[in-house]
Amino acid sequence: MSLLNLLSLDDDGIECVTSVVRKWCAQHRISLDSPRGREAMSTAIQLVLAGEKSPEFIADVLSRHFRVQQDKDPID
């Protein structure tokens, strides 16, 4: 999924994705420009495109996704 998909969201969707990912990255000390930051953005975009509107749910999914991924690849 490309960040260009962000353009297919309405204004509320864009605001939701950007604010959730910005906050989530800051809390976890992850750069938005890092591979994980870009993956978090992509995951959040997918969720909003699928109809998710809850910032809390999106942040929770990001945390669970990266926790599982980190367990698989703890070196990253």
PDB file of N, CA and C in Angstrom:
ATOM      1  N   MET A   1       0.853  -1.176   0.000  1.00  0.00           N
ATOM      2  CA  MET A   1       0.000   0.000   0.000  1.00  0.00           C
ATOM      3  C   MET A   1       0.891   1.229   0.000  1.00  0.00           C
ATOM      4  N   SER A   2       0.573   2.139  -0.861  1.00  0.00           N
ATOM      5  CA  SER A   2       1.336   3.363  -1.020  1.00  0.00           C
ATOM      6  C   SER A   2       0.705   4.495  -0.221  1.00  0.00           C
ATOM      7  N   LEU A   3       1.536   5.451   0.138  1.00  0.00           N
ATOM      8  CA  LEU A   3       0.995   6.638   0.800  1.00  0.00           C
ATOM      9  C   LEU A   3       0.072   7.412  -0.130  1.00  0.00           C
ATOM     10  N   LEU A   4       0.137   7.130  -1.420  1.00  0.00           N
ATOM     11  CA  LEU A   4      -0.795   7.762  -2.354  1.00  0.00           C
ATOM     12  C   LEU A   4      -2.236   7.366  -2.033  1.00  0.00           C
ATOM     13  N   ASN A   5      -2.413   6.212  -1.374  1.00  0.00           N
ATOM     14  CA  ASN A   5      -3.752   5.791  -0.975  1.00  0.00           C
ATOM     15  C   ASN A   5      -4.355   6.767   0.038  1.00  0.00           C
ATOM     16  N   LEU A   6      -3.506   7.511   0.722  1.00  0.00           N
ATOM     17  CA  LEU A   6      -3.992   8.525   1.659  1.00  0.00           C
ATOM     18  C   LEU A   6      -4.859   9.536   0.924  1.00  0.00           C
ATOM     19  N   LEU A   7      -4.543   9.784  -0.345  1.00  0.00           N
ATOM     20  CA  LEU A   7      -5.301  10.754  -1.133  1.00  0.00           C
ATOM     21  C   LEU A   7      -6.714  10.279  -1.443  1.00  0.00           C
ATOM     22  N   SER A   8      -6.958   8.974  -1.330  1.00  0.00           N
ATOM     23  CA  SER A   8      -8.307   8.463  -1.604  1.00  0.00           C
ATOM     24  C   SER A   8      -9.228   8.595  -0.401  1.00  0.00           C
ATOM     25  N   LEU A   9      -8.684   9.043   0.727  1.00  0.00           N
ATOM     26  CA  LEU A   9      -9.501   9.241   1.924  1.00  0.00           C
ATOM     27  C   LEU A   9     -10.140  10.629   1.902  1.00  0.00           C
ATOM     28  N   ASP A  10     -11.274  10.749   2.593  1.00  0.00           N
ATOM     29  CA  ASP A  10     -11.863  12.078   2.747  1.00  0.00           C
ATOM     30  C   ASP A  10     -11.064  12.842   3.814  1.00  0.00           C
ATOM     31  N   ASP A  11     -11.407  14.098   4.022  1.00  0.00           N
ATOM     32  CA  ASP A  11     -10.654  14.939   4.960  1.00  0.00           C
ATOM     33  C   ASP A  11     -10.631  14.354   6.364  1.00  0.00           C
ATOM     34  N   ASP A  12     -11.764  13.811   6.827  1.00  0.00           N
ATOM     35  CA  ASP A  12     -11.819  13.215   8.166  1.00  0.00           C
ATOM     36  C   ASP A  12     -10.913  11.990   8.257  1.00  0.00           C
ATOM     37  N   GLY A  13     -10.880  11.187   7.204  1.00  0.00           N
ATOM     38  CA  GLY A  13     -10.021  10.011   7.178  1.00  0.00           C
ATOM     39  C   GLY A  13      -8.550  10.384   7.200  1.00  0.00           C
ATOM     40  N   ILE A  14      -8.189  11.397   6.430  1.00  0.00           N
ATOM     41  CA  ILE A  14      -6.803  11.862   6.408  1.00  0.00           C
ATOM     42  C   ILE A  14      -6.394  12.376   7.783  1.00  0.00           C
ATOM     43  N   GLU A  15      -7.256  13.168   8.390  1.00  0.00           N
ATOM     44  CA  GLU A  15      -6.972  13.705   9.726  1.00  0.00           C
ATOM     45  C   GLU A  15      -6.828  12.584  10.741  1.00  0.00           C
ATOM     46  N   CYS A  16      -7.706  11.599  10.682  1.00  0.00           N
ATOM     47  CA  CYS A  16      -7.656  10.468  11.605  1.00  0.00           C
ATOM     48  C   CYS A  16      -6.331   9.715  11.454  1.00  0.00           C
ATOM     49  N   VAL A  17      -6.000   9.341  10.230  1.00  0.00           N
ATOM     50  CA  VAL A  17      -4.777   8.565   9.979  1.00  0.00           C
ATOM     51  C   VAL A  17      -3.547   9.345  10.427  1.00  0.00           C
ATOM     52  N   THR A  18      -3.430  10.580   9.992  1.00  0.00           N
ATOM     53  CA  THR A  18      -2.208  11.331  10.300  1.00  0.00           C
ATOM     54  C   THR A  18      -2.067  11.601  11.788  1.00  0.00           C
ATOM     55  N   SER A  19      -3.156  11.929  12.458  1.00  0.00           N
ATOM     56  CA  SER A  19      -3.043  12.217  13.889  1.00  0.00           C
ATOM     57  C   SER A  19      -2.755  10.953  14.694  1.00  0.00           C
ATOM     58  N   VAL A  20      -3.409   9.852  14.353  1.00  0.00           N
ATOM     59  CA  VAL A  20      -3.166   8.597  15.084  1.00  0.00           C
ATOM     60  C   VAL A  20      -1.732   8.131  14.881  1.00  0.00           C
ATOM     61  N   VAL A  21      -1.268   8.127  13.643  1.00  0.00           N
ATOM     62  CA  VAL A  21       0.076   7.627  13.369  1.00  0.00           C
ATOM     63  C   VAL A  21       1.131   8.552  13.976  1.00  0.00           C
ATOM     64  N   ARG A  22       0.935   9.851  13.874  1.00  0.00           N
ATOM     65  CA  ARG A  22       1.882  10.790  14.485  1.00  0.00           C
ATOM     66  C   ARG A  22       1.999  10.550  15.988  1.00  0.00           C
ATOM     67  N   LYS A  23       0.848  10.448  16.649  1.00  0.00           N
ATOM     68  CA  LYS A  23       0.830  10.228  18.101  1.00  0.00           C
ATOM     69  C   LYS A  23       1.431   8.871  18.452  1.00  0.00           C
ATOM     70  N   TRP A  24       1.060   7.832  17.699  1.00  0.00           N
ATOM     71  CA  TRP A  24       1.551   6.489  17.975  1.00  0.00           C
ATOM     72  C   TRP A  24       3.071   6.435  17.810  1.00  0.00           C
ATOM     73  N   CYS A  25       3.576   7.033  16.745  1.00  0.00           N
ATOM     74  CA  CYS A  25       5.021   7.049  16.516  1.00  0.00           C
ATOM     75  C   CYS A  25       5.752   7.805  17.631  1.00  0.00           C
ATOM     76  N   ALA A  26       5.208   8.925  18.063  1.00  0.00           N
ATOM     77  CA  ALA A  26       5.834   9.694  19.142  1.00  0.00           C
ATOM     78  C   ALA A  26       5.865   8.877  20.436  1.00  0.00           C
ATOM     79  N   GLN A  27       4.780   8.191  20.748  1.00  0.00           N
ATOM     80  CA  GLN A  27       4.720   7.393  21.972  1.00  0.00           C
ATOM     81  C   GLN A  27       5.728   6.250  21.957  1.00  0.00           C
ATOM     82  N   HIS A  28       5.988   5.709  20.781  1.00  0.00           N
ATOM     83  CA  HIS A  28       6.882   4.555  20.675  1.00  0.00           C
ATOM     84  C   HIS A  28       8.273   4.923  20.157  1.00  0.00           C
ATOM     85  N   ARG A  29       8.526   6.226  20.063  1.00  0.00           N
ATOM     86  CA  ARG A  29       9.825   6.745  19.617  1.00  0.00           C
ATOM     87  C   ARG A  29      10.246   6.148  18.274  1.00  0.00           C
ATOM     88  N   ILE A  30       9.315   6.196  17.348  1.00  0.00           N
ATOM     89  CA  ILE A  30       9.542   5.699  15.996  1.00  0.00           C
ATOM     90  C   ILE A  30       9.426   6.882  15.041  1.00  0.00           C
ATOM     91  N   SER A  31      10.383   7.034  14.178  1.00  0.00           N
ATOM     92  CA  SER A  31      10.331   8.112  13.191  1.00  0.00           C
ATOM     93  C   SER A  31       9.261   7.810  12.145  1.00  0.00           C
ATOM     94  N   LEU A  32       8.514   8.833  11.771  1.00  0.00           N
ATOM     95  CA  LEU A  32       7.535   8.671  10.703  1.00  0.00           C
ATOM     96  C   LEU A  32       8.197   8.260   9.388  1.00  0.00           C
ATOM     97  N   ASP A  33       9.442   8.647   9.202  1.00  0.00           N
ATOM     98  CA  ASP A  33      10.156   8.349   7.964  1.00  0.00           C
ATOM     99  C   ASP A  33      10.855   6.989   7.969  1.00  0.00           C
ATOM    100  N   SER A  34      10.792   6.289   9.096  1.00  0.00           N
ATOM    101  CA  SER A  34      11.429   4.975   9.184  1.00  0.00           C
ATOM    102  C   SER A  34      10.545   3.919   8.514  1.00  0.00           C
ATOM    103  N   PRO A  35      11.100   2.752   8.240  1.00  0.00           N
ATOM    104  CA  PRO A  35      10.265   1.680   7.676  1.00  0.00           C
ATOM    105  C   PRO A  35       9.053   1.357   8.558  1.00  0.00           C
ATOM    106  N   ARG A  36       9.237   1.338   9.865  1.00  0.00           N
ATOM    107  CA  ARG A  36       8.102   1.054  10.753  1.00  0.00           C
ATOM    108  C   ARG A  36       7.086   2.191  10.742  1.00  0.00           C
ATOM    109  N   GLY A  37       7.560   3.415  10.662  1.00  0.00           N
ATOM    110  CA  GLY A  37       6.642   4.551  10.591  1.00  0.00           C
ATOM    111  C   GLY A  37       5.811   4.510   9.324  1.00  0.00           C
ATOM    112  N   ARG A  38       6.462   4.200   8.209  1.00  0.00           N
ATOM    113  CA  ARG A  38       5.731   4.089   6.941  1.00  0.00           C
ATOM    114  C   ARG A  38       4.767   2.901   6.960  1.00  0.00           C
ATOM    115  N   GLU A  39       5.179   1.812   7.592  1.00  0.00           N
ATOM    116  CA  GLU A  39       4.288   0.659   7.692  1.00  0.00           C
ATOM    117  C   GLU A  39       3.089   0.975   8.588  1.00  0.00           C
ATOM    118  N   ALA A  40       3.319   1.730   9.661  1.00  0.00           N
ATOM    119  CA  ALA A  40       2.214   2.139  10.531  1.00  0.00           C
ATOM    120  C   ALA A  40       1.226   3.006   9.757  1.00  0.00           C
ATOM    121  N   MET A  41       1.747   3.919   8.939  1.00  0.00           N
ATOM    122  CA  MET A  41       0.890   4.772   8.126  1.00  0.00           C
ATOM    123  C   MET A  41       0.072   3.928   7.151  1.00  0.00           C
ATOM    124  N   SER A  42       0.736   2.992   6.496  1.00  0.00           N
ATOM    125  CA  SER A  42       0.060   2.124   5.541  1.00  0.00           C
ATOM    126  C   SER A  42      -1.033   1.292   6.216  1.00  0.00           C
ATOM    127  N   THR A  43      -0.726   0.750   7.381  1.00  0.00           N
ATOM    128  CA  THR A  43      -1.708  -0.056   8.125  1.00  0.00           C
ATOM    129  C   THR A  43      -2.907   0.792   8.527  1.00  0.00           C
ATOM    130  N   ALA A  44      -2.645   1.993   9.003  1.00  0.00           N
ATOM    131  CA  ALA A  44      -3.737   2.877   9.403  1.00  0.00           C
ATOM    132  C   ALA A  44      -4.597   3.260   8.198  1.00  0.00           C
ATOM    133  N   ILE A  45      -3.978   3.509   7.069  1.00  0.00           N
ATOM    134  CA  ILE A  45      -4.730   3.833   5.848  1.00  0.00           C
ATOM    135  C   ILE A  45      -5.637   2.664   5.476  1.00  0.00           C
ATOM    136  N   GLN A  46      -5.099   1.448   5.517  1.00  0.00           N
ATOM    137  CA  GLN A  46      -5.900   0.266   5.196  1.00  0.00           C
ATOM    138  C   GLN A  46      -7.115   0.162   6.108  1.00  0.00           C
ATOM    139  N   LEU A  47      -6.913   0.418   7.390  1.00  0.00           N
ATOM    140  CA  LEU A  47      -8.024   0.323   8.343  1.00  0.00           C
ATOM    141  C   LEU A  47      -9.110   1.357   8.036  1.00  0.00           C
ATOM    142  N   VAL A  48      -8.692   2.578   7.751  1.00  0.00           N
ATOM    143  CA  VAL A  48      -9.670   3.636   7.464  1.00  0.00           C
ATOM    144  C   VAL A  48     -10.373   3.365   6.134  1.00  0.00           C
ATOM    145  N   LEU A  49      -9.636   2.890   5.135  1.00  0.00           N
ATOM    146  CA  LEU A  49     -10.277   2.542   3.867  1.00  0.00           C
ATOM    147  C   LEU A  49     -11.301   1.423   4.044  1.00  0.00           C
ATOM    148  N   ALA A  50     -11.063   0.551   5.038  1.00  0.00           N
ATOM    149  CA  ALA A  50     -11.991  -0.541   5.319  1.00  0.00           C
ATOM    150  C   ALA A  50     -13.186  -0.078   6.151  1.00  0.00           C
ATOM    151  N   GLY A  51     -13.185   1.193   6.547  1.00  0.00           N
ATOM    152  CA  GLY A  51     -14.331   1.744   7.255  1.00  0.00           C
ATOM    153  C   GLY A  51     -14.119   2.034   8.729  1.00  0.00           C
ATOM    154  N   GLU A  52     -12.932   1.760   9.246  1.00  0.00           N
ATOM    155  CA  GLU A  52     -12.669   2.017  10.666  1.00  0.00           C
ATOM    156  C   GLU A  52     -12.543   3.518  10.903  1.00  0.00           C
ATOM    157  N   LYS A  53     -13.202   4.001  11.945  1.00  0.00           N
ATOM    158  CA  LYS A  53     -13.177   5.433  12.240  1.00  0.00           C
ATOM    159  C   LYS A  53     -12.678   5.742  13.650  1.00  0.00           C
ATOM    160  N   SER A  54     -12.466   4.732  14.471  1.00  0.00           N
ATOM    161  CA  SER A  54     -12.061   4.944  15.856  1.00  0.00           C
ATOM    162  C   SER A  54     -10.545   5.098  15.974  1.00  0.00           C
ATOM    163  N   PRO A  55     -10.068   6.287  16.361  1.00  0.00           N
ATOM    164  CA  PRO A  55      -8.619   6.473  16.541  1.00  0.00           C
ATOM    165  C   PRO A  55      -8.042   5.513  17.583  1.00  0.00           C
ATOM    166  N   GLU A  56      -8.801   5.247  18.632  1.00  0.00           N
ATOM    167  CA  GLU A  56      -8.329   4.339  19.680  1.00  0.00           C
ATOM    168  C   GLU A  56      -8.139   2.928  19.136  1.00  0.00           C
ATOM    169  N   PHE A  57      -9.086   2.476  18.315  1.00  0.00           N
ATOM    170  CA  PHE A  57      -8.986   1.138  17.738  1.00  0.00           C
ATOM    171  C   PHE A  57      -7.788   1.053  16.801  1.00  0.00           C
ATOM    172  N   ILE A  58      -7.604   2.070  15.975  1.00  0.00           N
ATOM    173  CA  ILE A  58      -6.487   2.072  15.027  1.00  0.00           C
ATOM    174  C   ILE A  58      -5.156   2.032  15.780  1.00  0.00           C
ATOM    175  N   ALA A  59      -5.013   2.838  16.827  1.00  0.00           N
ATOM    176  CA  ALA A  59      -3.784   2.842  17.625  1.00  0.00           C
ATOM    177  C   ALA A  59      -3.564   1.483  18.283  1.00  0.00           C
ATOM    178  N   ASP A  60      -4.638   0.856  18.743  1.00  0.00           N
ATOM    179  CA  ASP A  60      -4.529  -0.465  19.360  1.00  0.00           C
ATOM    180  C   ASP A  60      -4.069  -1.502  18.338  1.00  0.00           C
ATOM    181  N   VAL A  61      -4.627  -1.447  17.132  1.00  0.00           N
ATOM    182  CA  VAL A  61      -4.219  -2.379  16.082  1.00  0.00           C
ATOM    183  C   VAL A  61      -2.739  -2.184  15.754  1.00  0.00           C
ATOM    184  N   LEU A  62      -2.284  -0.946  15.663  1.00  0.00           N
ATOM    185  CA  LEU A  62      -0.871  -0.682  15.386  1.00  0.00           C
ATOM    186  C   LEU A  62       0.008  -1.285  16.477  1.00  0.00           C
ATOM    187  N   SER A  63      -0.370  -1.079  17.725  1.00  0.00           N
ATOM    188  CA  SER A  63       0.418  -1.615  18.835  1.00  0.00           C
ATOM    189  C   SER A  63       0.473  -3.133  18.801  1.00  0.00           C
ATOM    190  N   ARG A  64      -0.665  -3.769  18.553  1.00  0.00           N
ATOM    191  CA  ARG A  64      -0.688  -5.232  18.494  1.00  0.00           C
ATOM    192  C   ARG A  64       0.091  -5.737  17.287  1.00  0.00           C
ATOM    193  N   HIS A  65      -0.069  -5.091  16.149  1.00  0.00           N
ATOM    194  CA  HIS A  65       0.626  -5.506  14.930  1.00  0.00           C
ATOM    195  C   HIS A  65       2.140  -5.470  15.125  1.00  0.00           C
ATOM    196  N   PHE A  66       2.641  -4.369  15.654  1.00  0.00           N
ATOM    197  CA  PHE A  66       4.081  -4.235  15.795  1.00  0.00           C
ATOM    198  C   PHE A  66       4.627  -5.060  16.945  1.00  0.00           C
ATOM    199  N   ARG A  67       3.826  -5.323  17.966  1.00  0.00           N
ATOM    200  CA  ARG A  67       4.266  -6.201  19.044  1.00  0.00           C
ATOM    201  C   ARG A  67       4.464  -7.608  18.502  1.00  0.00           C
ATOM    202  N   VAL A  68       3.515  -8.088  17.705  1.00  0.00           N
ATOM    203  CA  VAL A  68       3.634  -9.416  17.099  1.00  0.00           C
ATOM    204  C   VAL A  68       4.809  -9.438  16.142  1.00  0.00           C
ATOM    205  N   GLN A  69       4.942  -8.412  15.328  1.00  0.00           N
ATOM    206  CA  GLN A  69       6.038  -8.353  14.365  1.00  0.00           C
ATOM    207  C   GLN A  69       7.381  -8.305  15.078  1.00  0.00           C
ATOM    208  N   GLN A  70       7.468  -7.561  16.167  1.00  0.00           N
ATOM    209  CA  GLN A  70       8.719  -7.445  16.909  1.00  0.00           C
ATOM    210  C   GLN A  70       9.097  -8.791  17.517  1.00  0.00           C
ATOM    211  N   ASP A  71       8.105  -9.542  17.974  1.00  0.00           N
ATOM    212  CA  ASP A  71       8.363 -10.877  18.507  1.00  0.00           C
ATOM    213  C   ASP A  71       8.937 -11.790  17.429  1.00  0.00           C
ATOM    214  N   LYS A  72       8.499 -11.600  16.191  1.00  0.00           N
ATOM    215  CA  LYS A  72       9.002 -12.407  15.078  1.00  0.00           C
ATOM    216  C   LYS A  72      10.401 -11.977  14.659  1.00  0.00           C
ATOM    217  N   ASP A  73      10.682 -10.683  14.760  1.00  0.00           N
ATOM    218  CA  ASP A  73      11.950 -10.134  14.300  1.00  0.00           C
ATOM    219  C   ASP A  73      12.493  -9.149  15.337  1.00  0.00           C
ATOM    220  N   PRO A  74      12.984  -9.643  16.474  1.00  0.00           N
ATOM    221  CA  PRO A  74      13.388  -8.745  17.561  1.00  0.00           C
ATOM    222  C   PRO A  74      14.610  -7.885  17.258  1.00  0.00           C
ATOM    223  N   ILE A  75      15.331  -8.171  16.197  1.00  0.00           N
ATOM    224  CA  ILE A  75      16.526  -7.395  15.869  1.00  0.00           C
ATOM    225  C   ILE A  75      16.157  -6.029  15.307  1.00  0.00           C
ATOM    226  N   ASP A  76      15.038  -5.930  14.612  1.00  0.00           N
ATOM    227  CA  ASP A  76      14.642  -4.679  13.942  1.00  0.00           C
ATOM    228  C   ASP A  76      14.312  -3.647  14.924  1.00  0.00           C
TER     229      ASP A  76
END
